[in-house]
N, C-alpha and C. Protein backbone atom coordinates (compact mmCIF):
# COMPACT_ATOMS: atom_id res chain seq x y z
N MET A 1 -110.37 -202.90 57.35
CA MET A 1 -110.40 -201.96 58.46
C MET A 1 -110.96 -202.60 59.72
N MET A 2 -112.07 -203.35 59.58
CA MET A 2 -112.70 -203.99 60.73
C MET A 2 -111.77 -205.03 61.34
N GLN A 3 -111.03 -205.75 60.49
CA GLN A 3 -110.09 -206.76 60.99
C GLN A 3 -108.96 -206.11 61.79
N LYS A 4 -108.50 -204.97 61.37
CA LYS A 4 -107.44 -204.24 62.08
C LYS A 4 -107.94 -203.78 63.46
N ILE A 5 -109.17 -203.28 63.52
CA ILE A 5 -109.76 -202.86 64.80
C ILE A 5 -109.89 -204.07 65.72
N GLU A 6 -110.31 -205.18 65.15
CA GLU A 6 -110.46 -206.40 65.95
C GLU A 6 -109.11 -206.85 66.52
N GLN A 7 -108.06 -206.78 65.71
CA GLN A 7 -106.72 -207.16 66.18
C GLN A 7 -106.25 -206.25 67.30
N ILE A 8 -106.45 -204.96 67.15
CA ILE A 8 -106.04 -203.99 68.18
C ILE A 8 -106.82 -204.25 69.47
N PHE A 9 -108.13 -204.47 69.32
CA PHE A 9 -108.96 -204.73 70.50
C PHE A 9 -108.52 -206.01 71.22
N GLU A 10 -108.29 -207.08 70.46
CA GLU A 10 -107.89 -208.35 71.06
C GLU A 10 -106.53 -208.24 71.75
N LYS A 11 -105.60 -207.50 71.13
CA LYS A 11 -104.29 -207.30 71.77
C LYS A 11 -104.45 -206.52 73.06
N ALA A 12 -105.25 -205.48 73.05
CA ALA A 12 -105.48 -204.69 74.27
C ALA A 12 -106.16 -205.54 75.34
N LEU A 13 -107.13 -206.32 74.91
CA LEU A 13 -107.84 -207.19 75.86
C LEU A 13 -106.88 -208.21 76.47
N TRP A 14 -106.00 -208.78 75.65
CA TRP A 14 -105.02 -209.75 76.15
C TRP A 14 -104.07 -209.11 77.15
N GLU A 15 -103.69 -207.88 76.93
CA GLU A 15 -102.77 -207.20 77.84
C GLU A 15 -103.42 -206.86 79.18
N VAL A 16 -104.73 -206.79 79.21
CA VAL A 16 -105.45 -206.50 80.46
C VAL A 16 -105.20 -207.59 81.50
N ARG A 17 -104.81 -208.77 81.05
CA ARG A 17 -104.56 -209.88 81.99
C ARG A 17 -103.48 -209.52 83.01
N PHE A 18 -102.63 -208.57 82.70
CA PHE A 18 -101.56 -208.18 83.62
C PHE A 18 -102.09 -207.52 84.89
N VAL A 19 -103.36 -207.17 84.92
CA VAL A 19 -103.94 -206.63 86.15
C VAL A 19 -103.90 -207.71 87.25
N VAL A 20 -103.82 -208.97 86.85
CA VAL A 20 -103.72 -210.07 87.81
C VAL A 20 -102.44 -209.97 88.63
N LEU A 21 -101.43 -209.29 88.11
CA LEU A 21 -100.18 -209.12 88.85
C LEU A 21 -100.42 -208.45 90.21
N ILE A 22 -101.44 -207.61 90.29
CA ILE A 22 -101.77 -206.98 91.57
C ILE A 22 -102.12 -208.07 92.59
N ALA A 23 -103.00 -208.98 92.19
CA ALA A 23 -103.40 -210.07 93.09
C ALA A 23 -102.21 -210.99 93.40
N VAL A 24 -101.36 -211.24 92.42
CA VAL A 24 -100.19 -212.10 92.62
C VAL A 24 -99.27 -211.48 93.66
N LEU A 25 -98.96 -210.21 93.49
CA LEU A 25 -98.03 -209.54 94.41
C LEU A 25 -98.63 -209.40 95.81
N VAL A 26 -99.89 -208.99 95.89
CA VAL A 26 -100.52 -208.82 97.19
C VAL A 26 -100.63 -210.16 97.91
N SER A 27 -100.98 -211.23 97.20
CA SER A 27 -101.06 -212.55 97.81
C SER A 27 -99.70 -213.01 98.32
N ALA A 28 -98.64 -212.75 97.55
CA ALA A 28 -97.29 -213.13 97.99
C ALA A 28 -96.88 -212.35 99.23
N VAL A 29 -97.18 -211.05 99.26
CA VAL A 29 -96.84 -210.22 100.43
C VAL A 29 -97.64 -210.70 101.65
N LEU A 30 -98.93 -210.97 101.46
CA LEU A 30 -99.74 -211.47 102.57
C LEU A 30 -99.26 -212.84 103.04
N SER A 31 -98.76 -213.65 102.12
CA SER A 31 -98.20 -214.95 102.49
C SER A 31 -96.99 -214.75 103.40
N PHE A 32 -96.09 -213.85 103.02
CA PHE A 32 -94.93 -213.56 103.87
C PHE A 32 -95.38 -213.03 105.22
N ALA A 33 -96.41 -212.20 105.21
CA ALA A 33 -96.92 -211.64 106.47
C ALA A 33 -97.44 -212.76 107.37
N MET A 34 -98.17 -213.72 106.81
CA MET A 34 -98.69 -214.82 107.62
C MET A 34 -97.57 -215.71 108.13
N PHE A 35 -96.56 -215.96 107.30
CA PHE A 35 -95.42 -216.75 107.76
C PHE A 35 -94.70 -216.03 108.90
N TYR A 36 -94.58 -214.71 108.78
CA TYR A 36 -93.94 -213.92 109.83
C TYR A 36 -94.74 -214.00 111.14
N VAL A 37 -96.04 -213.77 111.04
CA VAL A 37 -96.91 -213.81 112.23
C VAL A 37 -96.84 -215.19 112.88
N ALA A 38 -96.92 -216.24 112.08
CA ALA A 38 -96.88 -217.60 112.63
C ALA A 38 -95.53 -217.90 113.26
N ALA A 39 -94.44 -217.43 112.64
CA ALA A 39 -93.11 -217.65 113.20
C ALA A 39 -92.93 -216.92 114.53
N VAL A 40 -93.41 -215.68 114.60
CA VAL A 40 -93.33 -214.93 115.86
C VAL A 40 -94.17 -215.61 116.93
N ASP A 41 -95.37 -216.04 116.57
CA ASP A 41 -96.23 -216.76 117.52
C ASP A 41 -95.54 -218.04 117.99
N ALA A 42 -94.88 -218.75 117.09
CA ALA A 42 -94.17 -219.98 117.46
C ALA A 42 -93.05 -219.67 118.43
N TYR A 43 -92.33 -218.60 118.17
CA TYR A 43 -91.23 -218.21 119.06
C TYR A 43 -91.76 -217.95 120.47
N TYR A 44 -92.80 -217.14 120.58
CA TYR A 44 -93.33 -216.81 121.91
C TYR A 44 -93.98 -218.03 122.59
N THR A 45 -94.53 -218.93 121.80
CA THR A 45 -95.07 -220.16 122.38
C THR A 45 -93.96 -220.98 123.02
N VAL A 46 -92.84 -221.11 122.32
CA VAL A 46 -91.70 -221.87 122.85
C VAL A 46 -91.11 -221.17 124.08
N VAL A 47 -91.00 -219.83 124.02
CA VAL A 47 -90.46 -219.09 125.15
C VAL A 47 -91.32 -219.29 126.40
N HIS A 48 -92.63 -219.21 126.23
CA HIS A 48 -93.53 -219.39 127.38
C HIS A 48 -93.52 -220.83 127.89
N LEU A 49 -93.18 -221.75 127.01
CA LEU A 49 -93.18 -223.16 127.38
C LEU A 49 -92.05 -223.50 128.36
N PHE A 50 -91.01 -222.68 128.41
CA PHE A 50 -89.91 -222.94 129.35
C PHE A 50 -90.39 -222.94 130.80
N HIS A 51 -91.50 -222.26 131.07
CA HIS A 51 -92.06 -222.24 132.42
C HIS A 51 -92.67 -223.58 132.80
N TYR A 52 -92.89 -224.43 131.83
CA TYR A 52 -93.52 -225.73 132.08
C TYR A 52 -92.67 -226.60 133.02
N ALA A 53 -91.36 -226.45 132.95
CA ALA A 53 -90.46 -227.24 133.78
C ALA A 53 -90.28 -226.65 135.18
N ASP A 54 -90.92 -225.51 135.44
CA ASP A 54 -90.81 -224.86 136.75
C ASP A 54 -91.42 -225.76 137.82
N SER A 55 -90.61 -226.10 138.83
CA SER A 55 -91.08 -227.02 139.87
C SER A 55 -92.08 -226.37 140.82
N THR A 56 -92.20 -225.04 140.79
CA THR A 56 -93.15 -224.37 141.68
C THR A 56 -94.57 -224.37 141.13
N LEU A 57 -94.73 -224.75 139.87
CA LEU A 57 -96.08 -224.80 139.29
C LEU A 57 -96.85 -225.98 139.86
N ASN A 58 -98.10 -225.72 140.22
CA ASN A 58 -98.94 -226.83 140.66
C ASN A 58 -99.51 -227.55 139.45
N VAL A 59 -100.15 -228.66 139.68
CA VAL A 59 -100.68 -229.50 138.60
C VAL A 59 -101.69 -228.75 137.74
N ALA A 60 -102.56 -227.97 138.35
CA ALA A 60 -103.59 -227.23 137.60
C ALA A 60 -102.95 -226.19 136.69
N ASP A 61 -101.92 -225.49 137.19
CA ASP A 61 -101.23 -224.49 136.37
C ASP A 61 -100.49 -225.15 135.20
N LYS A 62 -99.88 -226.31 135.46
CA LYS A 62 -99.19 -227.03 134.38
C LYS A 62 -100.18 -227.48 133.31
N LEU A 63 -101.33 -227.96 133.78
CA LEU A 63 -102.35 -228.40 132.83
C LEU A 63 -102.86 -227.22 132.00
N ALA A 64 -103.06 -226.09 132.65
CA ALA A 64 -103.51 -224.88 131.93
C ALA A 64 -102.45 -224.44 130.92
N LEU A 65 -101.16 -224.47 131.33
CA LEU A 65 -100.07 -224.09 130.42
C LEU A 65 -99.98 -225.06 129.25
N ARG A 66 -100.16 -226.33 129.55
CA ARG A 66 -100.12 -227.35 128.50
C ARG A 66 -101.25 -227.13 127.50
N ASN A 67 -102.47 -226.95 127.98
CA ASN A 67 -103.61 -226.72 127.09
C ASN A 67 -103.43 -225.44 126.28
N SER A 68 -102.92 -224.40 126.93
CA SER A 68 -102.66 -223.14 126.24
C SER A 68 -101.61 -223.33 125.15
N THR A 69 -100.58 -224.10 125.45
CA THR A 69 -99.51 -224.35 124.47
C THR A 69 -100.04 -225.12 123.27
N VAL A 70 -100.83 -226.15 123.52
CA VAL A 70 -101.39 -226.93 122.41
C VAL A 70 -102.27 -226.04 121.53
N THR A 71 -103.07 -225.19 122.17
CA THR A 71 -103.91 -224.26 121.41
C THR A 71 -103.06 -223.31 120.57
N HIS A 72 -101.98 -222.79 121.15
CA HIS A 72 -101.12 -221.86 120.40
C HIS A 72 -100.40 -222.57 119.25
N VAL A 73 -100.00 -223.81 119.47
CA VAL A 73 -99.35 -224.57 118.40
C VAL A 73 -100.32 -224.76 117.24
N VAL A 74 -101.57 -225.06 117.56
CA VAL A 74 -102.58 -225.22 116.51
C VAL A 74 -102.79 -223.90 115.78
N GLU A 75 -102.79 -222.79 116.49
CA GLU A 75 -102.93 -221.47 115.86
C GLU A 75 -101.74 -221.17 114.95
N VAL A 76 -100.53 -221.56 115.40
CA VAL A 76 -99.33 -221.36 114.57
C VAL A 76 -99.46 -222.18 113.29
N LEU A 77 -99.88 -223.43 113.44
CA LEU A 77 -100.08 -224.29 112.27
C LEU A 77 -101.10 -223.67 111.32
N ASP A 78 -102.16 -223.12 111.87
CA ASP A 78 -103.18 -222.45 111.08
C ASP A 78 -102.59 -221.27 110.30
N GLY A 79 -101.74 -220.50 110.95
CA GLY A 79 -101.09 -219.36 110.29
C GLY A 79 -100.20 -219.81 109.13
N PHE A 80 -99.42 -220.86 109.35
CA PHE A 80 -98.57 -221.37 108.27
C PHE A 80 -99.41 -221.91 107.12
N LEU A 81 -100.51 -222.58 107.43
CA LEU A 81 -101.37 -223.09 106.36
C LEU A 81 -102.00 -221.95 105.56
N LEU A 82 -102.42 -220.90 106.24
CA LEU A 82 -102.98 -219.75 105.53
C LEU A 82 -101.93 -219.09 104.64
N GLY A 83 -100.71 -218.98 105.15
CA GLY A 83 -99.62 -218.46 104.32
C GLY A 83 -99.38 -219.32 103.10
N THR A 84 -99.50 -220.64 103.28
CA THR A 84 -99.32 -221.57 102.16
C THR A 84 -100.42 -221.39 101.13
N ILE A 85 -101.65 -221.22 101.59
CA ILE A 85 -102.77 -220.98 100.65
C ILE A 85 -102.48 -219.73 99.81
N LEU A 86 -102.07 -218.68 100.46
CA LEU A 86 -101.81 -217.43 99.75
C LEU A 86 -100.67 -217.60 98.73
N LEU A 87 -99.66 -218.39 99.09
CA LEU A 87 -98.55 -218.62 98.18
C LEU A 87 -99.00 -219.45 96.97
N ILE A 88 -99.76 -220.51 97.23
CA ILE A 88 -100.26 -221.33 96.13
C ILE A 88 -101.17 -220.49 95.22
N PHE A 89 -102.01 -219.66 95.82
CA PHE A 89 -102.90 -218.79 95.05
C PHE A 89 -102.08 -217.82 94.18
N SER A 90 -101.04 -217.26 94.75
CA SER A 90 -100.19 -216.32 94.01
C SER A 90 -99.52 -217.00 92.82
N PHE A 91 -98.90 -218.18 93.07
CA PHE A 91 -98.25 -218.91 91.98
C PHE A 91 -99.26 -219.34 90.92
N GLY A 92 -100.41 -219.81 91.39
CA GLY A 92 -101.43 -220.28 90.46
C GLY A 92 -101.94 -219.19 89.55
N LEU A 93 -102.24 -218.03 90.12
CA LEU A 93 -102.71 -216.91 89.28
C LEU A 93 -101.64 -216.50 88.27
N TYR A 94 -100.39 -216.46 88.72
CA TYR A 94 -99.31 -216.07 87.81
C TYR A 94 -99.20 -217.06 86.65
N GLU A 95 -99.23 -218.36 86.98
CA GLU A 95 -99.10 -219.37 85.92
C GLU A 95 -100.30 -219.38 84.98
N LEU A 96 -101.48 -219.12 85.52
CA LEU A 96 -102.67 -219.16 84.67
C LEU A 96 -102.80 -217.95 83.76
N PHE A 97 -102.42 -216.78 84.25
CA PHE A 97 -102.70 -215.56 83.50
C PHE A 97 -101.48 -214.87 82.90
N ILE A 98 -100.30 -215.11 83.47
CA ILE A 98 -99.13 -214.37 82.99
C ILE A 98 -98.17 -215.29 82.23
N SER A 99 -97.56 -216.23 82.94
CA SER A 99 -96.55 -217.07 82.31
C SER A 99 -96.25 -218.27 83.21
N LYS A 100 -95.77 -219.34 82.62
CA LYS A 100 -95.32 -220.49 83.40
C LYS A 100 -94.08 -220.07 84.19
N ILE A 101 -93.93 -220.61 85.38
CA ILE A 101 -92.76 -220.35 86.20
C ILE A 101 -91.73 -221.41 85.84
N ASP A 102 -90.79 -221.04 84.97
CA ASP A 102 -89.84 -222.01 84.41
C ASP A 102 -89.06 -222.75 85.49
N VAL A 103 -88.66 -222.06 86.53
CA VAL A 103 -87.87 -222.66 87.60
C VAL A 103 -88.63 -223.79 88.27
N ALA A 104 -89.95 -223.70 88.33
CA ALA A 104 -90.76 -224.72 88.98
C ALA A 104 -90.73 -226.04 88.22
N TYR A 105 -90.39 -226.01 86.96
CA TYR A 105 -90.39 -227.21 86.14
C TYR A 105 -88.99 -227.81 86.00
N GLU A 106 -87.98 -227.13 86.55
CA GLU A 106 -86.60 -227.57 86.39
C GLU A 106 -86.03 -228.10 87.69
N GLY A 107 -85.01 -228.91 87.58
CA GLY A 107 -84.20 -229.31 88.73
C GLY A 107 -84.85 -230.30 89.67
N GLU A 108 -84.02 -230.82 90.58
CA GLU A 108 -84.45 -231.82 91.55
C GLU A 108 -85.34 -231.22 92.63
N GLY A 109 -85.06 -229.98 93.01
CA GLY A 109 -85.81 -229.34 94.09
C GLY A 109 -87.17 -228.85 93.68
N ALA A 110 -87.48 -228.95 92.40
CA ALA A 110 -88.77 -228.47 91.91
C ALA A 110 -89.88 -229.36 92.44
N SER A 111 -90.99 -228.74 92.73
CA SER A 111 -92.12 -229.49 93.29
C SER A 111 -93.34 -229.33 92.40
N ASN A 112 -94.02 -230.43 92.16
CA ASN A 112 -95.25 -230.38 91.37
C ASN A 112 -96.39 -229.74 92.13
N VAL A 113 -96.21 -229.52 93.43
CA VAL A 113 -97.25 -228.91 94.24
C VAL A 113 -97.60 -227.52 93.71
N LEU A 114 -96.61 -226.80 93.24
CA LEU A 114 -96.84 -225.42 92.84
C LEU A 114 -97.04 -225.26 91.34
N ILE A 115 -97.07 -226.34 90.61
CA ILE A 115 -97.31 -226.26 89.17
C ILE A 115 -98.82 -226.32 88.95
N ILE A 116 -99.35 -225.26 88.37
CA ILE A 116 -100.79 -225.13 88.14
C ILE A 116 -101.03 -225.12 86.64
N ASN A 117 -101.82 -226.08 86.15
CA ASN A 117 -102.06 -226.18 84.72
C ASN A 117 -103.36 -225.52 84.27
N ASN A 118 -104.34 -225.46 85.17
CA ASN A 118 -105.61 -224.86 84.81
C ASN A 118 -106.32 -224.40 86.08
N LEU A 119 -107.47 -223.79 85.91
CA LEU A 119 -108.21 -223.26 87.05
C LEU A 119 -108.67 -224.36 88.00
N ASP A 120 -108.99 -225.54 87.46
CA ASP A 120 -109.37 -226.66 88.32
C ASP A 120 -108.22 -227.11 89.20
N ASP A 121 -106.99 -227.11 88.65
CA ASP A 121 -105.80 -227.44 89.45
C ASP A 121 -105.68 -226.49 90.64
N LEU A 122 -105.79 -225.21 90.34
CA LEU A 122 -105.68 -224.19 91.40
C LEU A 122 -106.77 -224.39 92.44
N LYS A 123 -107.99 -224.59 91.97
CA LYS A 123 -109.13 -224.78 92.86
C LYS A 123 -108.92 -226.01 93.75
N ASN A 124 -108.48 -227.11 93.18
CA ASN A 124 -108.29 -228.34 93.94
C ASN A 124 -107.18 -228.20 94.98
N ARG A 125 -106.10 -227.56 94.62
CA ARG A 125 -105.00 -227.38 95.58
C ARG A 125 -105.42 -226.46 96.72
N LEU A 126 -106.11 -225.39 96.38
CA LEU A 126 -106.59 -224.49 97.43
C LEU A 126 -107.61 -225.19 98.32
N ALA A 127 -108.49 -225.97 97.72
CA ALA A 127 -109.52 -226.68 98.50
C ALA A 127 -108.89 -227.63 99.50
N LYS A 128 -107.82 -228.32 99.11
CA LYS A 128 -107.15 -229.25 100.02
C LYS A 128 -106.55 -228.52 101.22
N VAL A 129 -105.91 -227.40 100.95
CA VAL A 129 -105.28 -226.65 102.06
C VAL A 129 -106.36 -226.01 102.94
N ILE A 130 -107.43 -225.54 102.33
CA ILE A 130 -108.53 -224.97 103.11
C ILE A 130 -109.17 -226.05 103.98
N LEU A 131 -109.33 -227.24 103.43
CA LEU A 131 -109.86 -228.36 104.23
C LEU A 131 -108.95 -228.64 105.41
N LEU A 132 -107.65 -228.59 105.17
CA LEU A 132 -106.70 -228.80 106.27
C LEU A 132 -106.82 -227.72 107.34
N ILE A 133 -107.01 -226.47 106.91
CA ILE A 133 -107.20 -225.38 107.88
C ILE A 133 -108.47 -225.61 108.69
N LEU A 134 -109.54 -226.02 108.03
CA LEU A 134 -110.79 -226.28 108.74
C LEU A 134 -110.63 -227.42 109.75
N ILE A 135 -109.87 -228.43 109.39
CA ILE A 135 -109.61 -229.53 110.31
C ILE A 135 -108.82 -229.03 111.52
N VAL A 136 -107.81 -228.19 111.26
CA VAL A 136 -107.01 -227.64 112.36
C VAL A 136 -107.89 -226.77 113.26
N LYS A 137 -108.76 -225.96 112.67
CA LYS A 137 -109.68 -225.13 113.47
C LYS A 137 -110.61 -226.00 114.31
N PHE A 138 -111.12 -227.07 113.72
CA PHE A 138 -111.98 -227.98 114.46
C PHE A 138 -111.22 -228.59 115.64
N PHE A 139 -109.98 -228.97 115.40
CA PHE A 139 -109.14 -229.51 116.46
C PHE A 139 -108.93 -228.48 117.56
N GLU A 140 -108.70 -227.23 117.16
CA GLU A 140 -108.52 -226.15 118.13
C GLU A 140 -109.77 -225.97 118.99
N TYR A 141 -110.94 -225.97 118.37
CA TYR A 141 -112.17 -225.84 119.13
C TYR A 141 -112.41 -227.08 120.00
N GLY A 142 -112.05 -228.24 119.48
CA GLY A 142 -112.22 -229.47 120.23
C GLY A 142 -111.39 -229.51 121.50
N ILE A 143 -110.21 -228.93 121.45
CA ILE A 143 -109.35 -228.88 122.63
C ILE A 143 -110.02 -228.10 123.76
N ASN A 144 -110.65 -227.00 123.40
CA ASN A 144 -111.24 -226.11 124.41
C ASN A 144 -112.71 -226.41 124.71
N MET A 145 -113.26 -227.43 124.05
CA MET A 145 -114.67 -227.72 124.21
C MET A 145 -114.93 -228.37 125.57
N LYS A 146 -115.99 -227.95 126.20
CA LYS A 146 -116.42 -228.52 127.48
C LYS A 146 -117.63 -229.41 127.19
N PHE A 147 -117.51 -230.68 127.52
CA PHE A 147 -118.59 -231.63 127.30
C PHE A 147 -119.44 -231.68 128.56
N THR A 148 -120.64 -231.10 128.48
CA THR A 148 -121.51 -231.07 129.66
C THR A 148 -122.69 -232.03 129.52
N THR A 149 -123.02 -232.36 128.29
CA THR A 149 -124.14 -233.28 128.07
C THR A 149 -123.70 -234.37 127.08
N PRO A 150 -124.40 -235.47 127.06
CA PRO A 150 -124.09 -236.50 126.06
C PRO A 150 -124.25 -235.98 124.62
N MET A 151 -125.16 -235.03 124.44
CA MET A 151 -125.36 -234.46 123.10
C MET A 151 -124.11 -233.71 122.63
N ASP A 152 -123.39 -233.06 123.57
CA ASP A 152 -122.14 -232.38 123.21
C ASP A 152 -121.14 -233.38 122.65
N LEU A 153 -121.00 -234.51 123.32
CA LEU A 153 -120.08 -235.55 122.89
C LEU A 153 -120.52 -236.14 121.55
N LEU A 154 -121.82 -236.34 121.39
CA LEU A 154 -122.34 -236.88 120.14
C LEU A 154 -122.11 -235.91 118.98
N THR A 155 -122.31 -234.63 119.24
CA THR A 155 -122.07 -233.61 118.22
C THR A 155 -120.60 -233.57 117.82
N PHE A 156 -119.72 -233.66 118.80
CA PHE A 156 -118.29 -233.68 118.53
C PHE A 156 -117.92 -234.91 117.71
N ALA A 157 -118.46 -236.06 118.07
CA ALA A 157 -118.21 -237.30 117.33
C ALA A 157 -118.72 -237.18 115.89
N GLY A 158 -119.88 -236.54 115.73
CA GLY A 158 -120.42 -236.31 114.38
C GLY A 158 -119.49 -235.42 113.55
N GLY A 159 -118.94 -234.42 114.18
CA GLY A 159 -117.98 -233.55 113.49
C GLY A 159 -116.74 -234.32 113.05
N ILE A 160 -116.25 -235.19 113.92
CA ILE A 160 -115.09 -236.02 113.56
C ILE A 160 -115.44 -236.94 112.40
N ALA A 161 -116.64 -237.52 112.43
CA ALA A 161 -117.08 -238.39 111.34
C ALA A 161 -117.17 -237.62 110.02
N LEU A 162 -117.67 -236.40 110.06
CA LEU A 162 -117.76 -235.58 108.85
C LEU A 162 -116.38 -235.20 108.32
N ILE A 163 -115.44 -234.94 109.23
CA ILE A 163 -114.07 -234.65 108.81
C ILE A 163 -113.48 -235.88 108.11
N GLY A 164 -113.70 -237.06 108.71
CA GLY A 164 -113.23 -238.29 108.09
C GLY A 164 -113.82 -238.49 106.71
N LEU A 165 -115.11 -238.22 106.57
CA LEU A 165 -115.77 -238.34 105.27
C LEU A 165 -115.19 -237.34 104.26
N ALA A 166 -114.97 -236.11 104.70
CA ALA A 166 -114.39 -235.10 103.80
C ALA A 166 -113.00 -235.51 103.34
N LEU A 167 -112.19 -236.03 104.25
CA LEU A 167 -110.85 -236.50 103.87
C LEU A 167 -110.93 -237.69 102.91
N PHE A 168 -111.82 -238.61 103.20
CA PHE A 168 -112.02 -239.77 102.33
C PHE A 168 -112.42 -239.34 100.92
N LEU A 169 -113.40 -238.45 100.84
CA LEU A 169 -113.87 -238.00 99.52
C LEU A 169 -112.81 -237.22 98.77
N SER A 170 -112.04 -236.39 99.47
CA SER A 170 -110.99 -235.64 98.77
C SER A 170 -109.88 -236.57 98.30
N HIS A 171 -109.59 -237.61 99.08
CA HIS A 171 -108.59 -238.59 98.67
C HIS A 171 -109.08 -239.39 97.46
N LYS A 172 -110.34 -239.82 97.49
CA LYS A 172 -110.90 -240.57 96.37
C LYS A 172 -110.96 -239.71 95.10
N ALA A 173 -111.28 -238.45 95.26
CA ALA A 173 -111.34 -237.56 94.10
C ALA A 173 -109.95 -237.40 93.49
N GLU A 174 -108.94 -237.37 94.32
CA GLU A 174 -107.57 -237.23 93.82
C GLU A 174 -107.13 -238.49 93.08
N GLU A 175 -107.53 -239.66 93.59
CA GLU A 175 -107.16 -240.93 92.96
C GLU A 175 -107.86 -241.17 91.64
N HIS A 176 -109.15 -240.88 91.59
CA HIS A 176 -109.96 -241.30 90.45
C HIS A 176 -110.65 -240.18 89.71
N GLY A 177 -110.27 -238.97 89.93
CA GLY A 177 -110.97 -237.87 89.29
C GLY A 177 -112.22 -237.53 90.07
N PRO A 178 -113.10 -236.75 89.51
CA PRO A 178 -114.31 -236.33 90.22
C PRO A 178 -115.18 -237.52 90.63
N ILE A 179 -115.69 -237.46 91.86
CA ILE A 179 -116.56 -238.51 92.35
C ILE A 179 -117.94 -238.38 91.73
N PHE A 180 -118.42 -237.16 91.69
CA PHE A 180 -119.73 -236.90 91.12
C PHE A 180 -119.52 -236.21 89.78
N LYS A 181 -119.89 -236.86 88.71
CA LYS A 181 -119.71 -236.28 87.39
C LYS A 181 -120.88 -235.39 87.05
N SER A 182 -120.57 -234.21 86.53
CA SER A 182 -121.65 -233.33 86.11
C SER A 182 -121.99 -233.59 84.65
N ASN A 183 -123.18 -233.24 84.30
CA ASN A 183 -123.64 -233.45 82.93
C ASN A 183 -123.40 -232.23 82.05
N HIS A 184 -122.67 -231.25 82.58
CA HIS A 184 -122.46 -230.02 81.82
C HIS A 184 -121.39 -230.19 80.79
C-alpha cells in the first residue's frame, strides 16, 4: 500500500514540472516583444538618419544627430540582446524540464547555441549574453559621458579594464572549464 502511494505521489510530483511551461511561453512572448520593440526602434533610427545628409544642418546639429544615432543603435542592440536572452531562457527551461527540442539536434541549420544539457549550460549561456548587454550599456554611457576631471577619465579607463578582464575570464572559463574550482 505504501509503495502504491509513493508511486502516485512521485508521478504527481513529476507532472508538476509542466508548470514551467508558463515561464517558457511568457519568456518566448517577451522575446518576440523585445525583438519587435528593437526592430521598430531601428526603423525610426534609420528614418531619422536621412536628415544627416541635409545640407542645411550646421556642424553642431550633425554632431548631435550623429551622437543621438549612435546611442539609439546601441539601444537597439541592447533590445535585440535582451530578446535573445529571453529566447535562450525559454528554450533552456523547456529542454531542462519538459523535453529535448528534437529539431535543434537535426539538420545543417541546427545550432548548438540553443542546446541546453543542464542548468550550468543555461546559466553560462545567459551569463555570456548578460555580460554582452552590460558591455553595450557601458558603451552607451561612455558615449554620453562628459569628462570634466582626470578622475573621470581614469574611472572610465578602469571600467574598460574591468570589461576586458571580464571578457578574458569568460573566454578562459569557456576554454578550460571553471577558473576557480569549488570544493563542494
